[in-house]
Amino acid sequence: MVAFAPEILRCEFLKIADEKRRPRTGERPIDGEVVERHVRDFLKLRITYVRGESLVQDAWELLKDQRLSATDCWYVACARRFDAELWISHEHADRLVDKARRAHDKVFLLTQRRF
């Protein structure tokens, strides 16, 4: 199986990992070693990262026309570029799944279907 992702994935993952070990809200932090282990595991994944230059025009169109968020539009653009499946973890309040499905016909929810 080949996995594609826009370059922004690494940034997003590291940001969330840092927030888990040093939350800004009242949440309890996750042990730093646990977070380190997850980061190491993530960095071992065999993902083909797609440069932003090749996605930026489509990402802009998705942002503008489909009203996807400034982050989500990159993932949908990447899936469209490679005619790949886009797996989303769960329903989002901003209706990401519906918006993504309007733009690409291979969008799946992990909560509804097994990988």
PDB file of N, CA and C in Angstrom:
ATOM      1  N   MET A   1       0.850  -1.167   0.000  1.00  0.00           N
ATOM      2  CA  MET A   1       0.000   0.000   0.000  1.00  0.00           C
ATOM      3  C   MET A   1       0.903   1.239   0.000  1.00  0.00           C
ATOM      4  N   VAL A   2       0.508   2.212  -0.771  1.00  0.00           N
ATOM      5  CA  VAL A   2       1.227   3.474  -0.834  1.00  0.00           C
ATOM      6  C   VAL A   2       0.386   4.533  -0.122  1.00  0.00           C
ATOM      7  N   ALA A   3       1.024   5.290   0.738  1.00  0.00           N
ATOM      8  CA  ALA A   3       0.336   6.374   1.449  1.00  0.00           C
ATOM      9  C   ALA A   3       0.924   7.700   0.994  1.00  0.00           C
ATOM     10  N   PHE A   4       0.045   8.616   0.614  1.00  0.00           N
ATOM     11  CA  PHE A   4       0.445   9.960   0.220  1.00  0.00           C
ATOM     12  C   PHE A   4      -0.072  10.943   1.250  1.00  0.00           C
ATOM     13  N   ALA A   5       0.667  12.001   1.472  1.00  0.00           N
ATOM     14  CA  ALA A   5       0.212  13.058   2.372  1.00  0.00           C
ATOM     15  C   ALA A   5       0.906  14.357   1.989  1.00  0.00           C
ATOM     16  N   PRO A   6       0.194  15.463   2.173  1.00  0.00           N
ATOM     17  CA  PRO A   6       0.864  16.741   1.941  1.00  0.00           C
ATOM     18  C   PRO A   6       1.916  16.966   3.029  1.00  0.00           C
ATOM     19  N   GLU A   7       2.919  17.745   2.705  1.00  0.00           N
ATOM     20  CA  GLU A   7       4.003  18.016   3.657  1.00  0.00           C
ATOM     21  C   GLU A   7       3.496  18.526   5.005  1.00  0.00           C
ATOM     22  N   ILE A   8       2.373  19.183   5.015  1.00  0.00           N
ATOM     23  CA  ILE A   8       1.827  19.778   6.242  1.00  0.00           C
ATOM     24  C   ILE A   8       1.534  18.726   7.319  1.00  0.00           C
ATOM     25  N   LEU A   9       1.401  17.467   6.930  1.00  0.00           N
ATOM     26  CA  LEU A   9       1.091  16.420   7.909  1.00  0.00           C
ATOM     27  C   LEU A   9       2.133  16.364   9.022  1.00  0.00           C
ATOM     28  N   ARG A  10       3.404  16.440   8.670  1.00  0.00           N
ATOM     29  CA  ARG A  10       4.447  16.373   9.700  1.00  0.00           C
ATOM     30  C   ARG A  10       4.312  17.517  10.695  1.00  0.00           C
ATOM     31  N   CYS A  11       4.059  18.697  10.192  1.00  0.00           N
ATOM     32  CA  CYS A  11       3.889  19.863  11.062  1.00  0.00           C
ATOM     33  C   CYS A  11       2.697  19.667  11.994  1.00  0.00           C
ATOM     34  N   GLU A  12       1.589  19.246  11.434  1.00  0.00           N
ATOM     35  CA  GLU A  12       0.391  19.038  12.249  1.00  0.00           C
ATOM     36  C   GLU A  12       0.608  17.962  13.317  1.00  0.00           C
ATOM     37  N   PHE A  13       1.245  16.872  12.940  1.00  0.00           N
ATOM     38  CA  PHE A  13       1.464  15.791  13.892  1.00  0.00           C
ATOM     39  C   PHE A  13       2.343  16.252  15.051  1.00  0.00           C
ATOM     40  N   LEU A  14       3.435  16.930  14.731  1.00  0.00           N
ATOM     41  CA  LEU A  14       4.327  17.396  15.789  1.00  0.00           C
ATOM     42  C   LEU A  14       3.660  18.437  16.683  1.00  0.00           C
ATOM     43  N   LYS A  15       2.836  19.276  16.098  1.00  0.00           N
ATOM     44  CA  LYS A  15       2.111  20.281  16.885  1.00  0.00           C
ATOM     45  C   LYS A  15       1.189  19.598  17.900  1.00  0.00           C
ATOM     46  N   ILE A  16       0.432  18.621  17.440  1.00  0.00           N
ATOM     47  CA  ILE A  16      -0.492  17.909  18.334  1.00  0.00           C
ATOM     48  C   ILE A  16       0.282  17.122  19.389  1.00  0.00           C
ATOM     49  N   ALA A  17       1.388  16.498  18.991  1.00  0.00           N
ATOM     50  CA  ALA A  17       2.204  15.752  19.956  1.00  0.00           C
ATOM     51  C   ALA A  17       2.690  16.678  21.063  1.00  0.00           C
ATOM     52  N   ASP A  18       3.145  17.854  20.689  1.00  0.00           N
ATOM     53  CA  ASP A  18       3.616  18.814  21.685  1.00  0.00           C
ATOM     54  C   ASP A  18       2.473  19.270  22.589  1.00  0.00           C
ATOM     55  N   GLU A  19       1.307  19.488  22.009  1.00  0.00           N
ATOM     56  CA  GLU A  19       0.148  19.909  22.807  1.00  0.00           C
ATOM     57  C   GLU A  19      -0.273  18.815  23.793  1.00  0.00           C
ATOM     58  N   LYS A  20      -0.069  17.556  23.433  1.00  0.00           N
ATOM     59  CA  LYS A  20      -0.438  16.452  24.328  1.00  0.00           C
ATOM     60  C   LYS A  20       0.489  16.400  25.545  1.00  0.00           C
ATOM     61  N   ARG A  21       1.743  16.737  25.358  1.00  0.00           N
ATOM     62  CA  ARG A  21       2.664  16.683  26.498  1.00  0.00           C
ATOM     63  C   ARG A  21       2.661  17.977  27.290  1.00  0.00           C
ATOM     64  N   ARG A  22       2.207  19.078  26.665  1.00  0.00           N
ATOM     65  CA  ARG A  22       2.139  20.377  27.353  1.00  0.00           C
ATOM     66  C   ARG A  22       0.812  21.069  27.010  1.00  0.00           C
ATOM     67  N   PRO A  23      -0.308  20.513  27.461  1.00  0.00           N
ATOM     68  CA  PRO A  23      -1.599  21.097  27.082  1.00  0.00           C
ATOM     69  C   PRO A  23      -1.768  22.517  27.620  1.00  0.00           C
ATOM     70  N   ARG A  24      -2.422  23.329  26.823  1.00  0.00           N
ATOM     71  CA  ARG A  24      -2.693  24.720  27.236  1.00  0.00           C
ATOM     72  C   ARG A  24      -4.003  24.827  27.995  1.00  0.00           C
ATOM     73  N   THR A  25      -4.842  23.831  27.832  1.00  0.00           N
ATOM     74  CA  THR A  25      -6.129  23.836  28.528  1.00  0.00           C
ATOM     75  C   THR A  25      -5.967  23.097  29.846  1.00  0.00           C
ATOM     76  N   GLY A  26      -7.058  22.751  30.471  1.00  0.00           N
ATOM     77  CA  GLY A  26      -7.015  22.064  31.751  1.00  0.00           C
ATOM     78  C   GLY A  26      -6.773  20.564  31.650  1.00  0.00           C
ATOM     79  N   GLU A  27      -6.547  20.063  30.448  1.00  0.00           N
ATOM     80  CA  GLU A  27      -6.312  18.636  30.277  1.00  0.00           C
ATOM     81  C   GLU A  27      -5.035  18.203  30.984  1.00  0.00           C
ATOM     82  N   ARG A  28      -5.022  16.939  31.368  1.00  0.00           N
ATOM     83  CA  ARG A  28      -3.799  16.392  31.961  1.00  0.00           C
ATOM     84  C   ARG A  28      -2.799  16.101  30.850  1.00  0.00           C
ATOM     85  N   PRO A  29      -1.532  16.409  31.074  1.00  0.00           N
ATOM     86  CA  PRO A  29      -0.533  16.105  30.048  1.00  0.00           C
ATOM     87  C   PRO A  29      -0.299  14.598  29.940  1.00  0.00           C
ATOM     88  N   ILE A  30       0.107  14.178  28.753  1.00  0.00           N
ATOM     89  CA  ILE A  30       0.491  12.785  28.539  1.00  0.00           C
ATOM     90  C   ILE A  30       1.986  12.693  28.820  1.00  0.00           C
ATOM     91  N   ASP A  31       2.394  11.609  29.443  1.00  0.00           N
ATOM     92  CA  ASP A  31       3.794  11.403  29.787  1.00  0.00           C
ATOM     93  C   ASP A  31       4.687  11.629  28.564  1.00  0.00           C
ATOM     94  N   GLY A  32       5.752  12.380  28.761  1.00  0.00           N
ATOM     95  CA  GLY A  32       6.647  12.744  27.672  1.00  0.00           C
ATOM     96  C   GLY A  32       7.230  11.558  26.933  1.00  0.00           C
ATOM     97  N   GLU A  33       7.529  10.475  27.647  1.00  0.00           N
ATOM     98  CA  GLU A  33       8.094   9.291  26.990  1.00  0.00           C
ATOM     99  C   GLU A  33       7.066   8.617  26.084  1.00  0.00           C
ATOM    100  N   VAL A  34       5.810   8.635  26.506  1.00  0.00           N
ATOM    101  CA  VAL A  34       4.738   8.075  25.668  1.00  0.00           C
ATOM    102  C   VAL A  34       4.626   8.891  24.382  1.00  0.00           C
ATOM    103  N   VAL A  35       4.648  10.198  24.506  1.00  0.00           N
ATOM    104  CA  VAL A  35       4.577  11.068  23.328  1.00  0.00           C
ATOM    105  C   VAL A  35       5.788  10.821  22.436  1.00  0.00           C
ATOM    106  N   GLU A  36       6.974  10.731  23.022  1.00  0.00           N
ATOM    107  CA  GLU A  36       8.198  10.461  22.245  1.00  0.00           C
ATOM    108  C   GLU A  36       8.067   9.169  21.450  1.00  0.00           C
ATOM    109  N   ARG A  37       7.532   8.151  22.059  1.00  0.00           N
ATOM    110  CA  ARG A  37       7.362   6.860  21.383  1.00  0.00           C
ATOM    111  C   ARG A  37       6.428   6.997  20.185  1.00  0.00           C
ATOM    112  N   HIS A  38       5.343   7.727  20.369  1.00  0.00           N
ATOM    113  CA  HIS A  38       4.397   7.918  19.263  1.00  0.00           C
ATOM    114  C   HIS A  38       5.037   8.727  18.132  1.00  0.00           C
ATOM    115  N   VAL A  39       5.817   9.727  18.478  1.00  0.00           N
ATOM    116  CA  VAL A  39       6.493  10.521  17.445  1.00  0.00           C
ATOM    117  C   VAL A  39       7.475   9.638  16.676  1.00  0.00           C
ATOM    118  N   ARG A  40       8.252   8.833  17.385  1.00  0.00           N
ATOM    119  CA  ARG A  40       9.196   7.928  16.707  1.00  0.00           C
ATOM    120  C   ARG A  40       8.464   6.962  15.782  1.00  0.00           C
ATOM    121  N   ASP A  41       7.349   6.414  16.258  1.00  0.00           N
ATOM    122  CA  ASP A  41       6.552   5.499  15.420  1.00  0.00           C
ATOM    123  C   ASP A  41       6.021   6.211  14.182  1.00  0.00           C
ATOM    124  N   PHE A  42       5.538   7.425  14.370  1.00  0.00           N
ATOM    125  CA  PHE A  42       5.021   8.196  13.244  1.00  0.00           C
ATOM    126  C   PHE A  42       6.115   8.447  12.208  1.00  0.00           C
ATOM    127  N   LEU A  43       7.294   8.809  12.671  1.00  0.00           N
ATOM    128  CA  LEU A  43       8.391   9.125  11.752  1.00  0.00           C
ATOM    129  C   LEU A  43       8.889   7.903  10.986  1.00  0.00           C
ATOM    130  N   LYS A  44       8.578   6.720  11.468  1.00  0.00           N
ATOM    131  CA  LYS A  44       8.964   5.490  10.772  1.00  0.00           C
ATOM    132  C   LYS A  44       7.979   5.108   9.660  1.00  0.00           C
ATOM    133  N   LEU A  45       6.808   5.702   9.677  1.00  0.00           N
ATOM    134  CA  LEU A  45       5.812   5.349   8.662  1.00  0.00           C
ATOM    135  C   LEU A  45       6.345   5.664   7.268  1.00  0.00           C
ATOM    136  N   ARG A  46       6.005   4.821   6.343  1.00  0.00           N
ATOM    137  CA  ARG A  46       6.453   5.012   4.964  1.00  0.00           C
ATOM    138  C   ARG A  46       5.402   5.805   4.202  1.00  0.00           C
ATOM    139  N   ILE A  47       5.516   7.098   4.316  1.00  0.00           N
ATOM    140  CA  ILE A  47       4.576   8.022   3.668  1.00  0.00           C
ATOM    141  C   ILE A  47       5.321   8.778   2.588  1.00  0.00           C
ATOM    142  N   THR A  48       4.699   8.885   1.431  1.00  0.00           N
ATOM    143  CA  THR A  48       5.241   9.710   0.366  1.00  0.00           C
ATOM    144  C   THR A  48       4.698  11.110   0.573  1.00  0.00           C
ATOM    145  N   TYR A  49       5.577  12.027   0.947  1.00  0.00           N
ATOM    146  CA  TYR A  49       5.147  13.406   1.186  1.00  0.00           C
ATOM    147  C   TYR A  49       5.151  14.182  -0.124  1.00  0.00           C
ATOM    148  N   VAL A  50       4.066  14.881  -0.347  1.00  0.00           N
ATOM    149  CA  VAL A  50       3.863  15.603  -1.596  1.00  0.00           C
ATOM    150  C   VAL A  50       4.139  17.083  -1.361  1.00  0.00           C
ATOM    151  N   ARG A  51       4.984  17.623  -2.194  1.00  0.00           N
ATOM    152  CA  ARG A  51       5.360  19.032  -2.062  1.00  0.00           C
ATOM    153  C   ARG A  51       4.154  19.946  -2.296  1.00  0.00           C
ATOM    154  N   GLY A  52       4.116  20.989  -1.523  1.00  0.00           N
ATOM    155  CA  GLY A  52       3.010  21.932  -1.591  1.00  0.00           C
ATOM    156  C   GLY A  52       2.834  22.594  -2.944  1.00  0.00           C
ATOM    157  N   GLU A  53       3.926  22.830  -3.647  1.00  0.00           N
ATOM    158  CA  GLU A  53       3.832  23.501  -4.948  1.00  0.00           C
ATOM    159  C   GLU A  53       2.930  22.757  -5.917  1.00  0.00           C
ATOM    160  N   SER A  54       2.934  21.428  -5.817  1.00  0.00           N
ATOM    161  CA  SER A  54       2.127  20.649  -6.754  1.00  0.00           C
ATOM    162  C   SER A  54       0.651  20.594  -6.358  1.00  0.00           C
ATOM    163  N   LEU A  55       0.332  21.044  -5.155  1.00  0.00           N
ATOM    164  CA  LEU A  55      -1.047  20.972  -4.665  1.00  0.00           C
ATOM    165  C   LEU A  55      -1.698  22.335  -4.479  1.00  0.00           C
ATOM    166  N   VAL A  56      -0.906  23.386  -4.485  1.00  0.00           N
ATOM    167  CA  VAL A  56      -1.397  24.686  -4.027  1.00  0.00           C
ATOM    168  C   VAL A  56      -2.580  25.213  -4.841  1.00  0.00           C
ATOM    169  N   GLN A  57      -2.574  25.052  -6.139  1.00  0.00           N
ATOM    170  CA  GLN A  57      -3.687  25.571  -6.945  1.00  0.00           C
ATOM    171  C   GLN A  57      -4.988  24.843  -6.609  1.00  0.00           C
ATOM    172  N   ASP A  58      -4.926  23.513  -6.548  1.00  0.00           N
ATOM    173  CA  ASP A  58      -6.122  22.745  -6.208  1.00  0.00           C
ATOM    174  C   ASP A  58      -6.558  23.018  -4.770  1.00  0.00           C
ATOM    175  N   ALA A  59      -5.588  23.137  -3.864  1.00  0.00           N
ATOM    176  CA  ALA A  59      -5.919  23.440  -2.464  1.00  0.00           C
ATOM    177  C   ALA A  59      -6.663  24.773  -2.381  1.00  0.00           C
ATOM    178  N   TRP A  60      -6.186  25.756  -3.124  1.00  0.00           N
ATOM    179  CA  TRP A  60      -6.847  27.067  -3.132  1.00  0.00           C
ATOM    180  C   TRP A  60      -8.275  26.954  -3.656  1.00  0.00           C
ATOM    181  N   GLU A  61      -8.460  26.219  -4.740  1.00  0.00           N
ATOM    182  CA  GLU A  61      -9.813  26.049  -5.300  1.00  0.00           C
ATOM    183  C   GLU A  61     -10.731  25.356  -4.291  1.00  0.00           C
ATOM    184  N   LEU A  62     -10.218  24.350  -3.599  1.00  0.00           N
ATOM    185  CA  LEU A  62     -11.025  23.651  -2.591  1.00  0.00           C
ATOM    186  C   LEU A  62     -11.371  24.557  -1.420  1.00  0.00           C
ATOM    187  N   LEU A  63     -10.429  25.359  -1.005  1.00  0.00           N
ATOM    188  CA  LEU A  63     -10.656  26.314   0.082  1.00  0.00           C
ATOM    189  C   LEU A  63     -11.743  27.306  -0.321  1.00  0.00           C
ATOM    190  N   LYS A  64     -11.607  27.818  -1.516  1.00  0.00           N
ATOM    191  CA  LYS A  64     -12.496  28.864  -2.004  1.00  0.00           C
ATOM    192  C   LYS A  64     -13.881  28.323  -2.381  1.00  0.00           C
ATOM    193  N   ASP A  65     -13.913  27.249  -3.154  1.00  0.00           N
ATOM    194  CA  ASP A  65     -15.173  26.769  -3.713  1.00  0.00           C
ATOM    195  C   ASP A  65     -15.913  25.764  -2.825  1.00  0.00           C
ATOM    196  N   GLN A  66     -15.186  24.899  -2.155  1.00  0.00           N
ATOM    197  CA  GLN A  66     -15.826  23.877  -1.316  1.00  0.00           C
ATOM    198  C   GLN A  66     -15.886  24.285   0.153  1.00  0.00           C
ATOM    199  N   ARG A  67     -15.263  25.411   0.488  1.00  0.00           N
ATOM    200  CA  ARG A  67     -15.258  25.944   1.843  1.00  0.00           C
ATOM    201  C   ARG A  67     -14.582  24.987   2.836  1.00  0.00           C
ATOM    202  N   LEU A  68     -13.575  24.262   2.341  1.00  0.00           N
ATOM    203  CA  LEU A  68     -12.760  23.433   3.230  1.00  0.00           C
ATOM    204  C   LEU A  68     -11.848  24.346   4.023  1.00  0.00           C
ATOM    205  N   SER A  69     -11.395  23.878   5.176  1.00  0.00           N
ATOM    206  CA  SER A  69     -10.507  24.706   5.985  1.00  0.00           C
ATOM    207  C   SER A  69      -9.151  24.845   5.290  1.00  0.00           C
ATOM    208  N   ALA A  70      -8.382  25.808   5.756  1.00  0.00           N
ATOM    209  CA  ALA A  70      -7.055  26.060   5.176  1.00  0.00           C
ATOM    210  C   ALA A  70      -6.117  24.875   5.379  1.00  0.00           C
ATOM    211  N   THR A  71      -6.389  24.031   6.334  1.00  0.00           N
ATOM    212  CA  THR A  71      -5.580  22.826   6.536  1.00  0.00           C
ATOM    213  C   THR A  71      -6.155  21.649   5.759  1.00  0.00           C
ATOM    214  N   ASP A  72      -7.440  21.424   5.873  1.00  0.00           N
ATOM    215  CA  ASP A  72      -8.065  20.257   5.250  1.00  0.00           C
ATOM    216  C   ASP A  72      -7.968  20.255   3.729  1.00  0.00           C
ATOM    217  N   CYS A  73      -7.958  21.426   3.122  1.00  0.00           N
ATOM    218  CA  CYS A  73      -7.914  21.489   1.656  1.00  0.00           C
ATOM    219  C   CYS A  73      -6.660  20.817   1.091  1.00  0.00           C
ATOM    220  N   TRP A  74      -5.559  20.816   1.843  1.00  0.00           N
ATOM    221  CA  TRP A  74      -4.321  20.186   1.371  1.00  0.00           C
ATOM    222  C   TRP A  74      -4.468  18.667   1.280  1.00  0.00           C
ATOM    223  N   TYR A  75      -5.169  18.071   2.233  1.00  0.00           N
ATOM    224  CA  TYR A  75      -5.348  16.618   2.238  1.00  0.00           C
ATOM    225  C   TYR A  75      -6.263  16.181   1.101  1.00  0.00           C
ATOM    226  N   VAL A  76      -7.328  16.923   0.875  1.00  0.00           N
ATOM    227  CA  VAL A  76      -8.239  16.589  -0.222  1.00  0.00           C
ATOM    228  C   VAL A  76      -7.524  16.792  -1.556  1.00  0.00           C
ATOM    229  N   ALA A  77      -6.768  17.849  -1.687  1.00  0.00           N
ATOM    230  CA  ALA A  77      -6.010  18.091  -2.926  1.00  0.00           C
ATOM    231  C   ALA A  77      -5.029  16.951  -3.187  1.00  0.00           C
ATOM    232  N   CYS A  78      -4.381  16.479  -2.160  1.00  0.00           N
ATOM    233  CA  CYS A  78      -3.425  15.375  -2.303  1.00  0.00           C
ATOM    234  C   CYS A  78      -4.150  14.105  -2.754  1.00  0.00           C
ATOM    235  N   ALA A  79      -5.278  13.785  -2.127  1.00  0.00           N
ATOM    236  CA  ALA A  79      -6.044  12.598  -2.511  1.00  0.00           C
ATOM    237  C   ALA A  79      -6.505  12.703  -3.963  1.00  0.00           C
ATOM    238  N   ARG A  80      -6.960  13.879  -4.362  1.00  0.00           N
ATOM    239  CA  ARG A  80      -7.402  14.059  -5.740  1.00  0.00           C
ATOM    240  C   ARG A  80      -6.243  13.917  -6.719  1.00  0.00           C
ATOM    241  N   ARG A  81      -5.104  14.457  -6.368  1.00  0.00           N
ATOM    242  CA  ARG A  81      -3.942  14.423  -7.273  1.00  0.00           C
ATOM    243  C   ARG A  81      -3.560  13.001  -7.632  1.00  0.00           C
ATOM    244  N   PHE A  82      -3.660  12.089  -6.672  1.00  0.00           N
ATOM    245  CA  PHE A  82      -3.266  10.704  -6.892  1.00  0.00           C
ATOM    246  C   PHE A  82      -4.460   9.765  -7.037  1.00  0.00           C
ATOM    247  N   ASP A  83      -5.662  10.324  -7.112  1.00  0.00           N
ATOM    248  CA  ASP A  83      -6.890   9.538  -7.161  1.00  0.00           C
ATOM    249  C   ASP A  83      -6.858   8.473  -6.064  1.00  0.00           C
ATOM    250  N   ALA A  84      -6.472   8.912  -4.879  1.00  0.00           N
ATOM    251  CA  ALA A  84      -6.285   8.009  -3.739  1.00  0.00           C
ATOM    252  C   ALA A  84      -7.452   8.110  -2.764  1.00  0.00           C
ATOM    253  N   GLU A  85      -7.544   7.116  -1.909  1.00  0.00           N
ATOM    254  CA  GLU A  85      -8.532   7.157  -0.840  1.00  0.00           C
ATOM    255  C   GLU A  85      -8.094   8.178   0.202  1.00  0.00           C
ATOM    256  N   LEU A  86      -9.068   8.861   0.763  1.00  0.00           N
ATOM    257  CA  LEU A  86      -8.822   9.792   1.865  1.00  0.00           C
ATOM    258  C   LEU A  86      -9.584   9.267   3.069  1.00  0.00           C
ATOM    259  N   TRP A  87      -8.848   8.897   4.119  1.00  0.00           N
ATOM    260  CA  TRP A  87      -9.448   8.365   5.331  1.00  0.00           C
ATOM    261  C   TRP A  87      -9.472   9.453   6.385  1.00  0.00           C
ATOM    262  N   ILE A  88     -10.651   9.672   6.945  1.00  0.00           N
ATOM    263  CA  ILE A  88     -10.845  10.695   7.978  1.00  0.00           C
ATOM    264  C   ILE A  88     -11.238   9.981   9.257  1.00  0.00           C
ATOM    265  N   SER A  89     -10.660  10.417  10.366  1.00  0.00           N
ATOM    266  CA  SER A  89     -10.823   9.707  11.631  1.00  0.00           C
ATOM    267  C   SER A  89     -12.259   9.690  12.146  1.00  0.00           C
ATOM    268  N   HIS A  90     -12.964  10.800  12.031  1.00  0.00           N
ATOM    269  CA  HIS A  90     -14.300  10.909  12.620  1.00  0.00           C
ATOM    270  C   HIS A  90     -15.028  12.095  11.990  1.00  0.00           C
ATOM    271  N   GLU A  91     -16.307  12.188  12.260  1.00  0.00           N
ATOM    272  CA  GLU A  91     -17.083  13.335  11.804  1.00  0.00           C
ATOM    273  C   GLU A  91     -16.554  14.590  12.489  1.00  0.00           C
ATOM    274  N   HIS A  92     -16.581  15.683  11.803  1.00  0.00           N
ATOM    275  CA  HIS A  92     -16.113  16.946  12.360  1.00  0.00           C
ATOM    276  C   HIS A  92     -17.275  17.942  12.368  1.00  0.00           C
ATOM    277  N   ALA A  93     -17.253  18.837  13.318  1.00  0.00           N
ATOM    278  CA  ALA A  93     -18.334  19.817  13.451  1.00  0.00           C
ATOM    279  C   ALA A  93     -18.454  20.713  12.217  1.00  0.00           C
ATOM    280  N   ASP A  94     -17.351  20.907  11.519  1.00  0.00           N
ATOM    281  CA  ASP A  94     -17.382  21.790  10.339  1.00  0.00           C
ATOM    282  C   ASP A  94     -17.830  21.069   9.065  1.00  0.00           C
ATOM    283  N   ARG A  95     -18.304  19.826   9.209  1.00  0.00           N
ATOM    284  CA  ARG A  95     -18.827  19.022   8.099  1.00  0.00           C
ATOM    285  C   ARG A  95     -17.744  18.685   7.077  1.00  0.00           C
ATOM    286  N   LEU A  96     -16.545  18.467   7.548  1.00  0.00           N
ATOM    287  CA  LEU A  96     -15.422  18.121   6.681  1.00  0.00           C
ATOM    288  C   LEU A  96     -15.738  16.942   5.771  1.00  0.00           C
ATOM    289  N   VAL A  97     -16.326  15.901   6.315  1.00  0.00           N
ATOM    290  CA  VAL A  97     -16.582  14.695   5.530  1.00  0.00           C
ATOM    291  C   VAL A  97     -17.488  15.011   4.343  1.00  0.00           C
ATOM    292  N   ASP A  98     -18.581  15.711   4.580  1.00  0.00           N
ATOM    293  CA  ASP A  98     -19.500  16.068   3.488  1.00  0.00           C
ATOM    294  C   ASP A  98     -18.808  16.937   2.443  1.00  0.00           C
ATOM    295  N   LYS A  99     -18.052  17.905   2.892  1.00  0.00           N
ATOM    296  CA  LYS A  99     -17.354  18.807   1.968  1.00  0.00           C
ATOM    297  C   LYS A  99     -16.319  18.041   1.151  1.00  0.00           C
ATOM    298  N   ALA A 100     -15.571  17.169   1.814  1.00  0.00           N
ATOM    299  CA  ALA A 100     -14.550  16.387   1.110  1.00  0.00           C
ATOM    300  C   ALA A 100     -15.190  15.451   0.094  1.00  0.00           C
ATOM    301  N   ARG A 101     -16.320  14.856   0.450  1.00  0.00           N
ATOM    302  CA  ARG A 101     -17.006  13.934  -0.472  1.00  0.00           C
ATOM    303  C   ARG A 101     -17.575  14.658  -1.687  1.00  0.00           C
ATOM    304  N   ARG A 102     -17.925  15.908  -1.530  1.00  0.00           N
ATOM    305  CA  ARG A 102     -18.381  16.675  -2.692  1.00  0.00           C
ATOM    306  C   ARG A 102     -17.234  16.923  -3.672  1.00  0.00           C
ATOM    307  N   ALA A 103     -16.030  16.964  -3.141  1.00  0.00           N
ATOM    308  CA  ALA A 103     -14.862  17.269  -3.971  1.00  0.00           C
ATOM    309  C   ALA A 103     -14.136  16.023  -4.478  1.00  0.00           C
ATOM    310  N   HIS A 104     -14.335  14.887  -3.796  1.00  0.00           N
ATOM    311  CA  HIS A 104     -13.586  13.666  -4.138  1.00  0.00           C
ATOM    312  C   HIS A 104     -14.441  12.465  -3.781  1.00  0.00           C
ATOM    313  N   ASP A 105     -14.497  11.480  -4.652  1.00  0.00           N
ATOM    314  CA  ASP A 105     -15.418  10.357  -4.433  1.00  0.00           C
ATOM    315  C   ASP A 105     -14.836   9.202  -3.616  1.00  0.00           C
ATOM    316  N   LYS A 106     -13.621   9.338  -3.125  1.00  0.00           N
ATOM    317  CA  LYS A 106     -13.009   8.247  -2.350  1.00  0.00           C
ATOM    318  C   LYS A 106     -12.685   8.710  -0.933  1.00  0.00           C
ATOM    319  N   VAL A 107     -13.693   9.191  -0.232  1.00  0.00           N
ATOM    320  CA  VAL A 107     -13.516   9.669   1.140  1.00  0.00           C
ATOM    321  C   VAL A 107     -14.220   8.690   2.072  1.00  0.00           C
ATOM    322  N   PHE A 108     -13.490   8.222   3.088  1.00  0.00           N
ATOM    323  CA  PHE A 108     -14.011   7.211   4.003  1.00  0.00           C
ATOM    324  C   PHE A 108     -13.786   7.639   5.448  1.00  0.00           C
ATOM    325  N   LEU A 109     -14.666   7.166   6.308  1.00  0.00           N
ATOM    326  CA  LEU A 109     -14.571   7.424   7.743  1.00  0.00           C
ATOM    327  C   LEU A 109     -14.094   6.174   8.458  1.00  0.00           C
ATOM    328  N   LEU A 110     -13.093   6.311   9.299  1.00  0.00           N
ATOM    329  CA  LEU A 110     -12.606   5.168  10.066  1.00  0.00           C
ATOM    330  C   LEU A 110     -13.669   4.639  11.032  1.00  0.00           C
ATOM    331  N   THR A 111     -14.586   5.490  11.446  1.00  0.00           N
ATOM    332  CA  THR A 111     -15.634   5.062  12.370  1.00  0.00           C
ATOM    333  C   THR A 111     -16.727   4.268  11.661  1.00  0.00           C
ATOM    334  N   GLN A 112     -16.767   4.312  10.336  1.00  0.00           N
ATOM    335  CA  GLN A 112     -17.807   3.605   9.583  1.00  0.00           C
ATOM    336  C   GLN A 112     -17.307   2.396   8.818  1.00  0.00           C
ATOM    337  N   ARG A 113     -16.022   2.386   8.558  1.00  0.00           N
ATOM    338  CA  ARG A 113     -15.480   1.343   7.694  1.00  0.00           C
ATOM    339  C   ARG A 113     -14.074   0.978   8.157  1.00  0.00           C
ATOM    340  N   ARG A 114     -13.739  -0.278   8.031  1.00  0.00           N
ATOM    341  CA  ARG A 114     -12.391  -0.702   8.414  1.00  0.00           C
ATOM    342  C   ARG A 114     -11.411  -0.385   7.295  1.00  0.00           C
ATOM    343  N   PHE A 115     -10.226  -0.048   7.694  1.00  0.00           N
ATOM    344  CA  PHE A 115      -9.128   0.257   6.791  1.00  0.00           C
ATOM    345  C   PHE A 115      -8.857  -0.893   5.875  1.00  0.00           C
TER     346      PHE A 115
END
